[in-house]
Amino acid sequence: MNNEDRVTRLEETIAHQAKTIEELSDQLAEQWKVVEQTRAKLDRLTERFLSLEEQSLDAPPITRPPHY
């Protein structure tokens, strides 16, 4: 294998790796969006849960009916 062939193979390898890195970067960016959306949903659910919990603390205690 001569030097020109070796350089060509190296260039092809580099081009393939650059494409793979770009694809992985795009996938990572998409996954980060999903993580951020999930985090926002979790924050909203946590706020809702805490609000419901506070409301239940204000409710009268559950007692047994007198016929028990």
C-alpha atoms as a PDB file:
ATOM      1  CA  MET A   1       0.000   0.000   0.000  1.00  0.00           C
ATOM      2  CA  ASN A   2       1.495   3.304  -1.036  1.00  0.00           C
ATOM      3  CA  ASN A   3       1.351   6.557   0.873  1.00  0.00           C
ATOM      4  CA  GLU A   4      -1.407   7.987  -1.300  1.00  0.00           C
ATOM      5  CA  ASP A   5      -3.660   4.996  -0.523  1.00  0.00           C
ATOM      6  CA  ARG A   6      -2.893   5.299   3.167  1.00  0.00           C
ATOM      7  CA  VAL A   7      -3.737   8.997   3.161  1.00  0.00           C
ATOM      8  CA  THR A   8      -6.980   8.286   1.300  1.00  0.00           C
ATOM      9  CA  ARG A   9      -7.955   5.613   3.857  1.00  0.00           C
ATOM     10  CA  LEU A  10      -7.129   7.960   6.720  1.00  0.00           C
ATOM     11  CA  GLU A  11      -9.211  10.727   5.152  1.00  0.00           C
ATOM     12  CA  GLU A  12     -12.143   8.312   4.720  1.00  0.00           C
ATOM     13  CA  THR A  13     -11.817   7.192   8.333  1.00  0.00           C
ATOM     14  CA  ILE A  14     -11.719  10.773   9.575  1.00  0.00           C
ATOM     15  CA  ALA A  15     -14.749  11.711   7.469  1.00  0.00           C
ATOM     16  CA  HIS A  16     -16.682   8.713   8.831  1.00  0.00           C
ATOM     17  CA  GLN A  17     -15.715   9.559  12.423  1.00  0.00           C
ATOM     18  CA  ALA A  18     -16.657  13.224  11.954  1.00  0.00           C
ATOM     19  CA  LYS A  19     -20.084  12.161  10.642  1.00  0.00           C
ATOM     20  CA  THR A  20     -20.550   9.781  13.563  1.00  0.00           C
ATOM     21  CA  ILE A  21     -19.570  12.474  16.070  1.00  0.00           C
ATOM     22  CA  GLU A  22     -22.053  14.898  14.504  1.00  0.00           C
ATOM     23  CA  GLU A  23     -24.844  12.290  14.638  1.00  0.00           C
ATOM     24  CA  LEU A  24     -24.057  11.497  18.267  1.00  0.00           C
ATOM     25  CA  SER A  25     -24.010  15.182  19.116  1.00  0.00           C
ATOM     26  CA  ASP A  26     -27.452  15.620  17.522  1.00  0.00           C
ATOM     27  CA  GLN A  27     -28.799  12.633  19.467  1.00  0.00           C
ATOM     28  CA  LEU A  28     -27.336  14.001  22.691  1.00  0.00           C
ATOM     29  CA  ALA A  29     -29.000  17.367  22.077  1.00  0.00           C
ATOM     30  CA  GLU A  30     -32.352  15.623  21.516  1.00  0.00           C
ATOM     31  CA  GLN A  31     -31.951  13.565  24.680  1.00  0.00           C
ATOM     32  CA  TRP A  32     -31.089  16.706  26.634  1.00  0.00           C
ATOM     33  CA  LYS A  33     -34.377  18.255  25.459  1.00  0.00           C
ATOM     34  CA  VAL A  34     -36.229  15.178  26.726  1.00  0.00           C
ATOM     35  CA  VAL A  35     -34.414  15.374  30.070  1.00  0.00           C
ATOM     36  CA  GLU A  36     -35.311  19.046  30.434  1.00  0.00           C
ATOM     37  CA  GLN A  37     -38.971  18.373  29.565  1.00  0.00           C
ATOM     38  CA  THR A  38     -39.067  15.517  32.064  1.00  0.00           C
ATOM     39  CA  ARG A  39     -37.479  17.682  34.738  1.00  0.00           C
ATOM     40  CA  ALA A  40     -40.070  20.412  34.132  1.00  0.00           C
ATOM     41  CA  LYS A  41     -42.903  17.862  34.396  1.00  0.00           C
ATOM     42  CA  LEU A  42     -41.422  16.487  37.599  1.00  0.00           C
ATOM     43  CA  ASP A  43     -41.195  19.986  39.049  1.00  0.00           C
ATOM     44  CA  ARG A  44     -44.867  20.647  38.186  1.00  0.00           C
ATOM     45  CA  LEU A  45     -45.945  17.314  39.655  1.00  0.00           C
ATOM     46  CA  THR A  46     -43.933  17.969  42.817  1.00  0.00           C
ATOM     47  CA  GLU A  47     -45.601  21.363  43.247  1.00  0.00           C
ATOM     48  CA  ARG A  48     -49.013  19.806  42.669  1.00  0.00           C
ATOM     49  CA  PHE A  49     -48.336  17.012  45.149  1.00  0.00           C
ATOM     50  CA  LEU A  50     -47.153  19.448  47.808  1.00  0.00           C
ATOM     51  CA  SER A  51     -50.230  21.599  47.237  1.00  0.00           C
ATOM     52  CA  LEU A  52     -52.527  18.585  47.602  1.00  0.00           C
ATOM     53  CA  GLU A  53     -50.636  17.494  50.685  1.00  0.00           C
ATOM     54  CA  GLU A  54     -51.105  20.935  52.257  1.00  0.00           C
ATOM     55  CA  GLN A  55     -54.826  20.831  51.462  1.00  0.00           C
ATOM     56  CA  SER A  56     -55.174  17.415  53.087  1.00  0.00           C
ATOM     57  CA  LEU A  57     -53.544  18.714  56.260  1.00  0.00           C
ATOM     58  CA  ASP A  58     -56.322  21.306  56.524  1.00  0.00           C
ATOM     59  CA  ALA A  59     -59.044  18.643  56.181  1.00  0.00           C
ATOM     60  CA  PRO A  60     -60.749  17.355  59.311  1.00  0.00           C
ATOM     61  CA  PRO A  61     -59.307  14.110  60.637  1.00  0.00           C
ATOM     62  CA  ILE A  62     -60.920  10.896  59.489  1.00  0.00           C
ATOM     63  CA  THR A  63     -62.609   9.224  62.427  1.00  0.00           C
ATOM     64  CA  ARG A  64     -64.600   6.044  62.792  1.00  0.00           C
ATOM     65  CA  PRO A  65     -68.345   6.435  62.569  1.00  0.00           C
ATOM     66  CA  PRO A  66     -70.103   6.049  65.930  1.00  0.00           C
ATOM     67  CA  HIS A  67     -71.651   2.675  65.004  1.00  0.00           C
ATOM     68  CA  TYR A  68     -68.238   0.917  65.068  1.00  0.00           C
END
